[in-house]
Amino acid sequence: MTYEFYKVLHLVSIILLFSGLVGLLTIQMSGGSALGRVKSLVYISHGVGWLLLLVSGFGLAARLGLTTGLPGWVYSKLVIWLLLGLAITVIRRKGVKGLPVYIGLMVLFSAAAFLAVTKPL
């Protein structure tokens, strides 16, 4: 598959992951509970986005020629990926605190974007 395919898949995955996390955060902040279809939509969006993000990320790394030894920025993005996977649990437990959790998500997404654009390590 082409670099462009993996790039588009990666961006769509980010949107899915972000919408799942922010959707659950919005529900938690409003004092409601995720029930039925809403709960399914939020969790499926997060899970599918999270999995496709990993697959498309490694596809992009392969297309960049990073097949023998990954640079530090890739490992940093893997740590961020794991933290974003755990973020749904944090939101379920601490989501009523809202703003600090939202800022934490923005820091993680911003750090991932910085690493992807600059590839510093």
PDB file of N, CA and C in Angstrom:
ATOM      1  N   MET A   1       0.838  -1.181   0.000  1.00  0.00           N
ATOM      2  CA  MET A   1       0.000   0.000   0.000  1.00  0.00           C
ATOM      3  C   MET A   1       0.884   1.246   0.000  1.00  0.00           C
ATOM      4  N   THR A   2       0.350   2.328  -0.459  1.00  0.00           N
ATOM      5  CA  THR A   2       1.146   3.532  -0.649  1.00  0.00           C
ATOM      6  C   THR A   2       1.282   4.332   0.642  1.00  0.00           C
ATOM      7  N   TYR A   3       2.263   5.219   0.624  1.00  0.00           N
ATOM      8  CA  TYR A   3       2.482   6.131   1.744  1.00  0.00           C
ATOM      9  C   TYR A   3       1.237   6.976   1.990  1.00  0.00           C
ATOM     10  N   GLU A   4       0.619   7.455   0.911  1.00  0.00           N
ATOM     11  CA  GLU A   4      -0.564   8.309   1.028  1.00  0.00           C
ATOM     12  C   GLU A   4      -1.721   7.566   1.689  1.00  0.00           C
ATOM     13  N   PHE A   5      -1.885   6.289   1.357  1.00  0.00           N
ATOM     14  CA  PHE A   5      -2.939   5.484   1.975  1.00  0.00           C
ATOM     15  C   PHE A   5      -2.741   5.421   3.485  1.00  0.00           C
ATOM     16  N   TYR A   6      -1.514   5.094   3.910  1.00  0.00           N
ATOM     17  CA  TYR A   6      -1.232   5.007   5.341  1.00  0.00           C
ATOM     18  C   TYR A   6      -1.398   6.359   6.030  1.00  0.00           C
ATOM     19  N   LYS A   7      -1.032   7.424   5.348  1.00  0.00           N
ATOM     20  CA  LYS A   7      -1.158   8.768   5.914  1.00  0.00           C
ATOM     21  C   LYS A   7      -2.629   9.119   6.160  1.00  0.00           C
ATOM     22  N   VAL A   8      -3.475   8.867   5.169  1.00  0.00           N
ATOM     23  CA  VAL A   8      -4.913   9.138   5.322  1.00  0.00           C
ATOM     24  C   VAL A   8      -5.508   8.249   6.411  1.00  0.00           C
ATOM     25  N   LEU A   9      -5.139   6.973   6.425  1.00  0.00           N
ATOM     26  CA  LEU A   9      -5.627   6.064   7.460  1.00  0.00           C
ATOM     27  C   LEU A   9      -5.190   6.539   8.844  1.00  0.00           C
ATOM     28  N   HIS A  10      -3.970   7.034   8.948  1.00  0.00           N
ATOM     29  CA  HIS A  10      -3.456   7.540  10.216  1.00  0.00           C
ATOM     30  C   HIS A  10      -4.269   8.754  10.681  1.00  0.00           C
ATOM     31  N   LEU A  11      -4.549   9.667   9.775  1.00  0.00           N
ATOM     32  CA  LEU A  11      -5.326  10.858  10.133  1.00  0.00           C
ATOM     33  C   LEU A  11      -6.760  10.501  10.520  1.00  0.00           C
ATOM     34  N   VAL A  12      -7.377   9.589   9.798  1.00  0.00           N
ATOM     35  CA  VAL A  12      -8.732   9.146  10.149  1.00  0.00           C
ATOM     36  C   VAL A  12      -8.723   8.464  11.515  1.00  0.00           C
ATOM     37  N   SER A  13      -7.682   7.692  11.797  1.00  0.00           N
ATOM     38  CA  SER A  13      -7.558   7.024  13.092  1.00  0.00           C
ATOM     39  C   SER A  13      -7.439   8.028  14.225  1.00  0.00           C
ATOM     40  N   ILE A  14      -6.696   9.093  14.002  1.00  0.00           N
ATOM     41  CA  ILE A  14      -6.558  10.141  15.016  1.00  0.00           C
ATOM     42  C   ILE A  14      -7.916  10.779  15.293  1.00  0.00           C
ATOM     43  N   ILE A  15      -8.681  11.033  14.241  1.00  0.00           N
ATOM     44  CA  ILE A  15     -10.012  11.623  14.412  1.00  0.00           C
ATOM     45  C   ILE A  15     -10.917  10.680  15.202  1.00  0.00           C
ATOM     46  N   LEU A  16     -10.894   9.390  14.880  1.00  0.00           N
ATOM     47  CA  LEU A  16     -11.702   8.414  15.609  1.00  0.00           C
ATOM     48  C   LEU A  16     -11.310   8.355  17.080  1.00  0.00           C
ATOM     49  N   LEU A  17     -10.021   8.275  17.349  1.00  0.00           N
ATOM     50  CA  LEU A  17      -9.535   8.198  18.719  1.00  0.00           C
ATOM     51  C   LEU A  17      -9.913   9.447  19.499  1.00  0.00           C
ATOM     52  N   PHE A  18      -9.682  10.605  18.909  1.00  0.00           N
ATOM     53  CA  PHE A  18      -9.986  11.870  19.570  1.00  0.00           C
ATOM     54  C   PHE A  18     -11.484  12.006  19.828  1.00  0.00           C
ATOM     55  N   SER A  19     -12.307  11.652  18.845  1.00  0.00           N
ATOM     56  CA  SER A  19     -13.754  11.796  19.034  1.00  0.00           C
ATOM     57  C   SER A  19     -14.266  10.850  20.112  1.00  0.00           C
ATOM     58  N   GLY A  20     -13.712   9.657  20.203  1.00  0.00           N
ATOM     59  CA  GLY A  20     -14.104   8.736  21.262  1.00  0.00           C
ATOM     60  C   GLY A  20     -13.749   9.263  22.639  1.00  0.00           C
ATOM     61  N   LEU A  21     -12.525   9.762  22.776  1.00  0.00           N
ATOM     62  CA  LEU A  21     -12.085  10.277  24.076  1.00  0.00           C
ATOM     63  C   LEU A  21     -12.855  11.527  24.485  1.00  0.00           C
ATOM     64  N   VAL A  22     -12.992  12.472  23.575  1.00  0.00           N
ATOM     65  CA  VAL A  22     -13.686  13.721  23.903  1.00  0.00           C
ATOM     66  C   VAL A  22     -15.187  13.472  24.069  1.00  0.00           C
ATOM     67  N   GLY A  23     -15.743  12.528  23.320  1.00  0.00           N
ATOM     68  CA  GLY A  23     -17.153  12.180  23.501  1.00  0.00           C
ATOM     69  C   GLY A  23     -17.420  11.663  24.899  1.00  0.00           C
ATOM     70  N   LEU A  24     -16.592  10.743  25.378  1.00  0.00           N
ATOM     71  CA  LEU A  24     -16.765  10.226  26.736  1.00  0.00           C
ATOM     72  C   LEU A  24     -16.507  11.315  27.771  1.00  0.00           C
ATOM     73  N   LEU A  25     -15.509  12.148  27.533  1.00  0.00           N
ATOM     74  CA  LEU A  25     -15.224  13.239  28.463  1.00  0.00           C
ATOM     75  C   LEU A  25     -16.416  14.188  28.564  1.00  0.00           C
ATOM     76  N   THR A  26     -17.054  14.488  27.454  1.00  0.00           N
ATOM     77  CA  THR A  26     -18.227  15.360  27.454  1.00  0.00           C
ATOM     78  C   THR A  26     -19.371  14.740  28.249  1.00  0.00           C
ATOM     79  N   ILE A  27     -19.582  13.454  28.059  1.00  0.00           N
ATOM     80  CA  ILE A  27     -20.632  12.755  28.810  1.00  0.00           C
ATOM     81  C   ILE A  27     -20.331  12.805  30.303  1.00  0.00           C
ATOM     82  N   GLN A  28     -19.091  12.522  30.680  1.00  0.00           N
ATOM     83  CA  GLN A  28     -18.712  12.520  32.093  1.00  0.00           C
ATOM     84  C   GLN A  28     -18.835  13.909  32.711  1.00  0.00           C
ATOM     85  N   MET A  29     -18.410  14.928  31.975  1.00  0.00           N
ATOM     86  CA  MET A  29     -18.469  16.294  32.506  1.00  0.00           C
ATOM     87  C   MET A  29     -19.907  16.764  32.685  1.00  0.00           C
ATOM     88  N   SER A  30     -20.818  16.284  31.866  1.00  0.00           N
ATOM     89  CA  SER A  30     -22.212  16.714  31.971  1.00  0.00           C
ATOM     90  C   SER A  30     -22.959  15.953  33.063  1.00  0.00           C
ATOM     91  N   GLY A  31     -22.281  15.029  33.706  1.00  0.00           N
ATOM     92  CA  GLY A  31     -22.895  14.287  34.800  1.00  0.00           C
ATOM     93  C   GLY A  31     -23.713  13.096  34.347  1.00  0.00           C
ATOM     94  N   GLY A  32     -23.739  12.846  33.070  1.00  0.00           N
ATOM     95  CA  GLY A  32     -24.494  11.718  32.541  1.00  0.00           C
ATOM     96  C   GLY A  32     -23.668  10.454  32.538  1.00  0.00           C
ATOM     97  N   SER A  33     -24.294   9.393  32.129  1.00  0.00           N
ATOM     98  CA  SER A  33     -23.556   8.146  31.978  1.00  0.00           C
ATOM     99  C   SER A  33     -23.786   7.632  30.559  1.00  0.00           C
ATOM    100  N   ALA A  34     -22.770   7.043  30.016  1.00  0.00           N
ATOM    101  CA  ALA A  34     -22.858   6.533  28.647  1.00  0.00           C
ATOM    102  C   ALA A  34     -23.692   5.256  28.651  1.00  0.00           C
ATOM    103  N   LEU A  35     -24.829   5.299  27.973  1.00  0.00           N
ATOM    104  CA  LEU A  35     -25.718   4.149  27.930  1.00  0.00           C
ATOM    105  C   LEU A  35     -25.993   3.738  26.489  1.00  0.00           C
ATOM    106  N   GLY A  36     -26.217   2.467  26.285  1.00  0.00           N
ATOM    107  CA  GLY A  36     -26.670   1.950  25.003  1.00  0.00           C
ATOM    108  C   GLY A  36     -25.796   2.306  23.825  1.00  0.00           C
ATOM    109  N   ARG A  37     -26.439   2.901  22.822  1.00  0.00           N
ATOM    110  CA  ARG A  37     -25.749   3.220  21.569  1.00  0.00           C
ATOM    111  C   ARG A  37     -24.639   4.241  21.759  1.00  0.00           C
ATOM    112  N   VAL A  38     -24.876   5.198  22.636  1.00  0.00           N
ATOM    113  CA  VAL A  38     -23.851   6.229  22.866  1.00  0.00           C
ATOM    114  C   VAL A  38     -22.597   5.588  23.441  1.00  0.00           C
ATOM    115  N   LYS A  39     -22.779   4.718  24.417  1.00  0.00           N
ATOM    116  CA  LYS A  39     -21.645   4.026  25.023  1.00  0.00           C
ATOM    117  C   LYS A  39     -20.900   3.210  23.969  1.00  0.00           C
ATOM    118  N   SER A  40     -21.652   2.476  23.161  1.00  0.00           N
ATOM    119  CA  SER A  40     -21.024   1.668  22.110  1.00  0.00           C
ATOM    120  C   SER A  40     -20.255   2.538  21.127  1.00  0.00           C
ATOM    121  N   LEU A  41     -20.866   3.628  20.697  1.00  0.00           N
ATOM    122  CA  LEU A  41     -20.223   4.512  19.729  1.00  0.00           C
ATOM    123  C   LEU A  41     -18.909   5.074  20.269  1.00  0.00           C
ATOM    124  N   VAL A  42     -18.925   5.522  21.517  1.00  0.00           N
ATOM    125  CA  VAL A  42     -17.734   6.120  22.120  1.00  0.00           C
ATOM    126  C   VAL A  42     -16.617   5.089  22.255  1.00  0.00           C
ATOM    127  N   TYR A  43     -16.935   3.921  22.784  1.00  0.00           N
ATOM    128  CA  TYR A  43     -15.911   2.915  23.010  1.00  0.00           C
ATOM    129  C   TYR A  43     -15.412   2.288  21.705  1.00  0.00           C
ATOM    130  N   ILE A  44     -16.304   2.074  20.757  1.00  0.00           N
ATOM    131  CA  ILE A  44     -15.876   1.533  19.463  1.00  0.00           C
ATOM    132  C   ILE A  44     -15.004   2.541  18.725  1.00  0.00           C
ATOM    133  N   SER A  45     -15.399   3.802  18.762  1.00  0.00           N
ATOM    134  CA  SER A  45     -14.604   4.850  18.120  1.00  0.00           C
ATOM    135  C   SER A  45     -13.197   4.885  18.703  1.00  0.00           C
ATOM    136  N   HIS A  46     -13.103   4.827  20.022  1.00  0.00           N
ATOM    137  CA  HIS A  46     -11.792   4.835  20.675  1.00  0.00           C
ATOM    138  C   HIS A  46     -10.990   3.591  20.304  1.00  0.00           C
ATOM    139  N   GLY A  47     -11.595   2.422  20.409  1.00  0.00           N
ATOM    140  CA  GLY A  47     -10.877   1.175  20.165  1.00  0.00           C
ATOM    141  C   GLY A  47     -10.419   0.999  18.731  1.00  0.00           C
ATOM    142  N   VAL A  48     -11.307   1.276  17.793  1.00  0.00           N
ATOM    143  CA  VAL A  48     -10.954   1.142  16.376  1.00  0.00           C
ATOM    144  C   VAL A  48      -9.896   2.179  16.003  1.00  0.00           C
ATOM    145  N   GLY A  49     -10.083   3.411  16.465  1.00  0.00           N
ATOM    146  CA  GLY A  49      -9.093   4.454  16.193  1.00  0.00           C
ATOM    147  C   GLY A  49      -7.734   4.098  16.759  1.00  0.00           C
ATOM    148  N   TRP A  50      -7.733   3.556  17.986  1.00  0.00           N
ATOM    149  CA  TRP A  50      -6.485   3.200  18.667  1.00  0.00           C
ATOM    150  C   TRP A  50      -5.748   2.098  17.907  1.00  0.00           C
ATOM    151  N   LEU A  51      -6.480   1.071  17.473  1.00  0.00           N
ATOM    152  CA  LEU A  51      -5.861  -0.038  16.748  1.00  0.00           C
ATOM    153  C   LEU A  51      -5.367   0.397  15.367  1.00  0.00           C
ATOM    154  N   LEU A  52      -6.200   1.119  14.630  1.00  0.00           N
ATOM    155  CA  LEU A  52      -5.799   1.571  13.296  1.00  0.00           C
ATOM    156  C   LEU A  52      -4.635   2.556  13.358  1.00  0.00           C
ATOM    157  N   LEU A  53      -4.547   3.307  14.449  1.00  0.00           N
ATOM    158  CA  LEU A  53      -3.435   4.238  14.621  1.00  0.00           C
ATOM    159  C   LEU A  53      -2.112   3.478  14.692  1.00  0.00           C
ATOM    160  N   LEU A  54      -2.103   2.370  15.405  1.00  0.00           N
ATOM    161  CA  LEU A  54      -0.892   1.550  15.500  1.00  0.00           C
ATOM    162  C   LEU A  54      -0.538   0.941  14.140  1.00  0.00           C
ATOM    163  N   VAL A  55      -1.517   0.355  13.484  1.00  0.00           N
ATOM    164  CA  VAL A  55      -1.273  -0.293  12.190  1.00  0.00           C
ATOM    165  C   VAL A  55      -0.781   0.721  11.161  1.00  0.00           C
ATOM    166  N   SER A  56      -1.477   1.849  11.062  1.00  0.00           N
ATOM    167  CA  SER A  56      -1.084   2.853  10.067  1.00  0.00           C
ATOM    168  C   SER A  56       0.244   3.507  10.431  1.00  0.00           C
ATOM    169  N   GLY A  57       0.526   3.642  11.722  1.00  0.00           N
ATOM    170  CA  GLY A  57       1.807   4.210  12.143  1.00  0.00           C
ATOM    171  C   GLY A  57       2.978   3.337  11.727  1.00  0.00           C
ATOM    172  N   PHE A  58       2.844   2.030  11.924  1.00  0.00           N
ATOM    173  CA  PHE A  58       3.909   1.132  11.492  1.00  0.00           C
ATOM    174  C   PHE A  58       3.984   1.051   9.971  1.00  0.00           C
ATOM    175  N   GLY A  59       2.842   1.178   9.302  1.00  0.00           N
ATOM    176  CA  GLY A  59       2.855   1.233   7.839  1.00  0.00           C
ATOM    177  C   GLY A  59       3.614   2.449   7.340  1.00  0.00           C
ATOM    178  N   LEU A  60       3.386   3.588   7.992  1.00  0.00           N
ATOM    179  CA  LEU A  60       4.117   4.806   7.624  1.00  0.00           C
ATOM    180  C   LEU A  60       5.609   4.656   7.896  1.00  0.00           C
ATOM    181  N   ALA A  61       5.943   4.049   9.037  1.00  0.00           N
ATOM    182  CA  ALA A  61       7.359   3.845   9.361  1.00  0.00           C
ATOM    183  C   ALA A  61       8.030   2.966   8.311  1.00  0.00           C
ATOM    184  N   ALA A  62       7.333   1.928   7.868  1.00  0.00           N
ATOM    185  CA  ALA A  62       7.891   1.053   6.832  1.00  0.00           C
ATOM    186  C   ALA A  62       8.082   1.813   5.523  1.00  0.00           C
ATOM    187  N   ARG A  63       7.124   2.655   5.168  1.00  0.00           N
ATOM    188  CA  ARG A  63       7.229   3.439   3.931  1.00  0.00           C
ATOM    189  C   ARG A  63       8.336   4.485   4.018  1.00  0.00           C
ATOM    190  N   LEU A  64       8.690   4.907   5.242  1.00  0.00           N
ATOM    191  CA  LEU A  64       9.800   5.850   5.421  1.00  0.00           C
ATOM    192  C   LEU A  64      11.148   5.129   5.445  1.00  0.00           C
ATOM    193  N   GLY A  65      11.122   3.803   5.346  1.00  0.00           N
ATOM    194  CA  GLY A  65      12.358   3.034   5.330  1.00  0.00           C
ATOM    195  C   GLY A  65      12.900   2.723   6.714  1.00  0.00           C
ATOM    196  N   LEU A  66      12.072   2.800   7.721  1.00  0.00           N
ATOM    197  CA  LEU A  66      12.506   2.544   9.095  1.00  0.00           C
ATOM    198  C   LEU A  66      12.235   1.088   9.467  1.00  0.00           C
ATOM    199  N   THR A  67      12.844   0.176   8.746  1.00  0.00           N
ATOM    200  CA  THR A  67      12.573  -1.242   8.977  1.00  0.00           C
ATOM    201  C   THR A  67      13.591  -1.910   9.895  1.00  0.00           C
ATOM    202  N   THR A  68      14.784  -1.362   9.998  1.00  0.00           N
ATOM    203  CA  THR A  68      15.799  -1.972  10.879  1.00  0.00           C
ATOM    204  C   THR A  68      16.068  -1.080  12.086  1.00  0.00           C
ATOM    205  N   GLY A  69      15.664  -1.011  13.074  1.00  0.00           N
ATOM    206  CA  GLY A  69      15.998  -0.078  14.141  1.00  0.00           C
ATOM    207  C   GLY A  69      15.203   1.216  14.050  1.00  0.00           C
ATOM    208  N   LEU A  70      14.346   1.394  14.982  1.00  0.00           N
ATOM    209  CA  LEU A  70      13.487   2.575  14.967  1.00  0.00           C
ATOM    210  C   LEU A  70      14.141   3.723  15.723  1.00  0.00           C
ATOM    211  N   PRO A  71      13.993   4.946  15.235  1.00  0.00           N
ATOM    212  CA  PRO A  71      14.539   6.100  15.948  1.00  0.00           C
ATOM    213  C   PRO A  71      13.737   6.394  17.221  1.00  0.00           C
ATOM    214  N   GLY A  72      14.307   7.228  18.060  1.00  0.00           N
ATOM    215  CA  GLY A  72      13.698   7.545  19.350  1.00  0.00           C
ATOM    216  C   GLY A  72      12.318   8.159  19.258  1.00  0.00           C
ATOM    217  N   TRP A  73      12.065   8.948  18.218  1.00  0.00           N
ATOM    218  CA  TRP A  73      10.756   9.594  18.127  1.00  0.00           C
ATOM    219  C   TRP A  73       9.642   8.576  17.916  1.00  0.00           C
ATOM    220  N   VAL A  74       9.951   7.440  17.285  1.00  0.00           N
ATOM    221  CA  VAL A  74       8.935   6.397  17.102  1.00  0.00           C
ATOM    222  C   VAL A  74       8.597   5.765  18.449  1.00  0.00           C
ATOM    223  N   TYR A  75       9.621   5.506  19.261  1.00  0.00           N
ATOM    224  CA  TYR A  75       9.371   4.956  20.594  1.00  0.00           C
ATOM    225  C   TYR A  75       8.580   5.945  21.452  1.00  0.00           C
ATOM    226  N   SER A  76       8.882   7.225  21.320  1.00  0.00           N
ATOM    227  CA  SER A  76       8.134   8.245  22.059  1.00  0.00           C
ATOM    228  C   SER A  76       6.669   8.248  21.638  1.00  0.00           C
ATOM    229  N   LYS A  77       6.426   8.095  20.340  1.00  0.00           N
ATOM    230  CA  LYS A  77       5.042   8.050  19.864  1.00  0.00           C
ATOM    231  C   LYS A  77       4.337   6.780  20.336  1.00  0.00           C
ATOM    232  N   LEU A  78       5.059   5.680  20.480  1.00  0.00           N
ATOM    233  CA  LEU A  78       4.456   4.460  21.019  1.00  0.00           C
ATOM    234  C   LEU A  78       4.033   4.643  22.473  1.00  0.00           C
ATOM    235  N   VAL A  79       4.845   5.356  23.247  1.00  0.00           N
ATOM    236  CA  VAL A  79       4.480   5.653  24.639  1.00  0.00           C
ATOM    237  C   VAL A  79       3.223   6.517  24.667  1.00  0.00           C
ATOM    238  N   ILE A  80       3.164   7.526  23.817  1.00  0.00           N
ATOM    239  CA  ILE A  80       1.973   8.379  23.736  1.00  0.00           C
ATOM    240  C   ILE A  80       0.769   7.541  23.317  1.00  0.00           C
ATOM    241  N   TRP A  81       0.955   6.621  22.373  1.00  0.00           N
ATOM    242  CA  TRP A  81      -0.126   5.746  21.925  1.00  0.00           C
ATOM    243  C   TRP A  81      -0.667   4.917  23.097  1.00  0.00           C
ATOM    244  N   LEU A  82       0.235   4.370  23.913  1.00  0.00           N
ATOM    245  CA  LEU A  82      -0.200   3.603  25.087  1.00  0.00           C
ATOM    246  C   LEU A  82      -0.960   4.488  26.070  1.00  0.00           C
ATOM    247  N   LEU A  83      -0.464   5.703  26.302  1.00  0.00           N
ATOM    248  CA  LEU A  83      -1.146   6.624  27.218  1.00  0.00           C
ATOM    249  C   LEU A  83      -2.534   6.998  26.706  1.00  0.00           C
ATOM    250  N   LEU A  84      -2.675   7.179  25.402  1.00  0.00           N
ATOM    251  CA  LEU A  84      -3.993   7.486  24.838  1.00  0.00           C
ATOM    252  C   LEU A  84      -4.927   6.284  24.940  1.00  0.00           C
ATOM    253  N   GLY A  85      -4.377   5.094  24.924  1.00  0.00           N
ATOM    254  CA  GLY A  85      -5.194   3.905  25.146  1.00  0.00           C
ATOM    255  C   GLY A  85      -5.690   3.824  26.575  1.00  0.00           C
ATOM    256  N   LEU A  86      -4.843   4.212  27.515  1.00  0.00           N
ATOM    257  CA  LEU A  86      -5.232   4.220  28.927  1.00  0.00           C
ATOM    258  C   LEU A  86      -6.106   5.411  29.284  1.00  0.00           C
ATOM    259  N   ALA A  87      -6.111   6.420  28.442  1.00  0.00           N
ATOM    260  CA  ALA A  87      -6.846   7.652  28.745  1.00  0.00           C
ATOM    261  C   ALA A  87      -8.335   7.412  28.914  1.00  0.00           C
ATOM    262  N   ILE A  88      -8.878   6.423  28.252  1.00  0.00           N
ATOM    263  CA  ILE A  88     -10.317   6.172  28.373  1.00  0.00           C
ATOM    264  C   ILE A  88     -10.671   5.744  29.793  1.00  0.00           C
ATOM    265  N   THR A  89      -9.763   5.028  30.448  1.00  0.00           N
ATOM    266  CA  THR A  89      -9.983   4.641  31.839  1.00  0.00           C
ATOM    267  C   THR A  89      -9.900   5.853  32.754  1.00  0.00           C
ATOM    268  N   VAL A  90      -8.942   6.718  32.499  1.00  0.00           N
ATOM    269  CA  VAL A  90      -8.813   7.949  33.293  1.00  0.00           C
ATOM    270  C   VAL A  90     -10.065   8.800  33.138  1.00  0.00           C
ATOM    271  N   ILE A  91     -10.566   8.912  31.923  1.00  0.00           N
ATOM    272  CA  ILE A  91     -11.768   9.717  31.686  1.00  0.00           C
ATOM    273  C   ILE A  91     -12.963   9.104  32.405  1.00  0.00           C
ATOM    274  N   ARG A  92     -13.092   7.786  32.372  1.00  0.00           N
ATOM    275  CA  ARG A  92     -14.205   7.139  33.069  1.00  0.00           C
ATOM    276  C   ARG A  92     -14.154   7.397  34.565  1.00  0.00           C
ATOM    277  N   ARG A  93     -12.962   7.451  35.125  1.00  0.00           N
ATOM    278  CA  ARG A  93     -12.837   7.618  36.576  1.00  0.00           C
ATOM    279  C   ARG A  93     -12.733   9.069  37.011  1.00  0.00           C
ATOM    280  N   LYS A  94     -12.063   9.899  36.230  1.00  0.00           N
ATOM    281  CA  LYS A  94     -11.807  11.287  36.626  1.00  0.00           C
ATOM    282  C   LYS A  94     -12.414  12.300  35.659  1.00  0.00           C
ATOM    283  N   GLY A  95     -13.309  11.870  34.796  1.00  0.00           N
ATOM    284  CA  GLY A  95     -13.859  12.734  33.759  1.00  0.00           C
ATOM    285  C   GLY A  95     -14.619  13.937  34.263  1.00  0.00           C
ATOM    286  N   VAL A  96     -15.156  13.845  35.489  1.00  0.00           N
ATOM    287  CA  VAL A  96     -15.905  14.985  36.014  1.00  0.00           C
ATOM    288  C   VAL A  96     -14.990  16.175  36.272  1.00  0.00           C
ATOM    289  N   LYS A  97     -13.693  15.937  36.368  1.00  0.00           N
ATOM    290  CA  LYS A  97     -12.748  17.040  36.578  1.00  0.00           C
ATOM    291  C   LYS A  97     -12.519  17.825  35.296  1.00  0.00           C
ATOM    292  N   GLY A  98     -12.926  17.273  34.187  1.00  0.00           N
ATOM    293  CA  GLY A  98     -12.999  17.958  32.907  1.00  0.00           C
ATOM    294  C   GLY A  98     -11.758  18.635  32.383  1.00  0.00           C
ATOM    295  N   LEU A  99     -11.549  19.876  32.774  1.00  0.00           N
ATOM    296  CA  LEU A  99     -10.505  20.698  32.172  1.00  0.00           C
ATOM    297  C   LEU A  99      -9.108  20.096  32.310  1.00  0.00           C
ATOM    298  N   PRO A 100      -8.679  19.643  33.494  1.00  0.00           N
ATOM    299  CA  PRO A 100      -7.336  19.048  33.568  1.00  0.00           C
ATOM    300  C   PRO A 100      -7.180  17.815  32.671  1.00  0.00           C
ATOM    301  N   VAL A 101      -8.213  17.011  32.580  1.00  0.00           N
ATOM    302  CA  VAL A 101      -8.157  15.825  31.720  1.00  0.00           C
ATOM    303  C   VAL A 101      -8.080  16.256  30.257  1.00  0.00           C
ATOM    304  N   TYR A 102      -8.870  17.250  29.884  1.00  0.00           N
ATOM    305  CA  TYR A 102      -8.864  17.756  28.510  1.00  0.00           C
ATOM    306  C   TYR A 102      -7.494  18.338  28.159  1.00  0.00           C
ATOM    307  N   ILE A 103      -6.918  19.097  29.074  1.00  0.00           N
ATOM    308  CA  ILE A 103      -5.584  19.667  28.839  1.00  0.00           C
ATOM    309  C   ILE A 103      -4.556  18.543  28.683  1.00  0.00           C
ATOM    310  N   GLY A 104      -4.672  17.506  29.494  1.00  0.00           N
ATOM    311  CA  GLY A 104      -3.776  16.359  29.363  1.00  0.00           C
ATOM    312  C   GLY A 104      -3.878  15.701  27.996  1.00  0.00           C
ATOM    313  N   LEU A 105      -5.106  15.556  27.502  1.00  0.00           N
ATOM    314  CA  LEU A 105      -5.293  14.997  26.158  1.00  0.00           C
ATOM    315  C   LEU A 105      -4.660  15.890  25.103  1.00  0.00           C
ATOM    316  N   MET A 106      -4.843  17.192  25.238  1.00  0.00           N
ATOM    317  CA  MET A 106      -4.281  18.126  24.258  1.00  0.00           C
ATOM    318  C   MET A 106      -2.754  18.083  24.274  1.00  0.00           C
ATOM    319  N   VAL A 107      -2.173  17.927  25.457  1.00  0.00           N
ATOM    320  CA  VAL A 107      -0.715  17.824  25.564  1.00  0.00           C
ATOM    321  C   VAL A 107      -0.227  16.560  24.848  1.00  0.00           C
ATOM    322  N   LEU A 108      -0.911  15.440  25.063  1.00  0.00           N
ATOM    323  CA  LEU A 108      -0.507  14.191  24.410  1.00  0.00           C
ATOM    324  C   LEU A 108      -0.638  14.278  22.893  1.00  0.00           C
ATOM    325  N   PHE A 109      -1.768  14.787  22.407  1.00  0.00           N
ATOM    326  CA  PHE A 109      -1.954  14.905  20.961  1.00  0.00           C
ATOM    327  C   PHE A 109      -0.966  15.904  20.354  1.00  0.00           C
ATOM    328  N   SER A 110      -0.695  16.994  21.064  1.00  0.00           N
ATOM    329  CA  SER A 110       0.257  17.994  20.562  1.00  0.00           C
ATOM    330  C   SER A 110       1.672  17.438  20.522  1.00  0.00           C
ATOM    331  N   ALA A 111       2.049  16.683  21.557  1.00  0.00           N
ATOM    332  CA  ALA A 111       3.383  16.077  21.582  1.00  0.00           C
ATOM    333  C   ALA A 111       3.541  15.080  20.434  1.00  0.00           C
ATOM    334  N   ALA A 112       2.503  14.295  20.174  1.00  0.00           N
ATOM    335  CA  ALA A 112       2.558  13.339  19.062  1.00  0.00           C
ATOM    336  C   ALA A 112       2.694  14.068  17.728  1.00  0.00           C
ATOM    337  N   ALA A 113       1.961  15.160  17.566  1.00  0.00           N
ATOM    338  CA  ALA A 113       2.048  15.938  16.321  1.00  0.00           C
ATOM    339  C   ALA A 113       3.438  16.543  16.166  1.00  0.00           C
ATOM    340  N   PHE A 114       3.994  17.077  17.250  1.00  0.00           N
ATOM    341  CA  PHE A 114       5.334  17.659  17.209  1.00  0.00           C
ATOM    342  C   PHE A 114       6.359  16.609  16.790  1.00  0.00           C
ATOM    343  N   LEU A 115       6.278  15.429  17.395  1.00  0.00           N
ATOM    344  CA  LEU A 115       7.220  14.363  17.061  1.00  0.00           C
ATOM    345  C   LEU A 115       7.073  13.912  15.610  1.00  0.00           C
ATOM    346  N   ALA A 116       5.841  13.858  15.122  1.00  0.00           N
ATOM    347  CA  ALA A 116       5.614  13.421  13.739  1.00  0.00           C
ATOM    348  C   ALA A 116       6.151  14.424  12.730  1.00  0.00           C
ATOM    349  N   VAL A 117       6.001  15.699  13.031  1.00  0.00           N
ATOM    350  CA  VAL A 117       6.414  16.732  12.074  1.00  0.00           C
ATOM    351  C   VAL A 117       7.924  16.948  12.103  1.00  0.00           C
ATOM    352  N   THR A 118       8.508  17.024  13.306  1.00  0.00           N
ATOM    353  CA  THR A 118       9.929  17.369  13.412  1.00  0.00           C
ATOM    354  C   THR A 118      10.858  16.155  13.436  1.00  0.00           C
ATOM    355  N   LYS A 119      10.374  15.008  13.898  1.00  0.00           N
ATOM    356  CA  LYS A 119      11.182  13.786  14.023  1.00  0.00           C
ATOM    357  C   LYS A 119      12.538  14.089  14.676  1.00  0.00           C
ATOM    358  N   PRO A 120      12.517  14.631  15.913  1.00  0.00           N
ATOM    359  CA  PRO A 120      13.743  15.151  16.521  1.00  0.00           C
ATOM    360  C   PRO A 120      14.737  14.114  17.034  1.00  0.00           C
ATOM    361  N   LEU A 121      14.291  12.959  17.465  1.00  0.00           N
ATOM    362  CA  LEU A 121      15.196  12.020  18.140  1.00  0.00           C
ATOM    363  C   LEU A 121      15.746  10.976  17.188  1.00  0.00           C
TER     364      LEU A 121
END
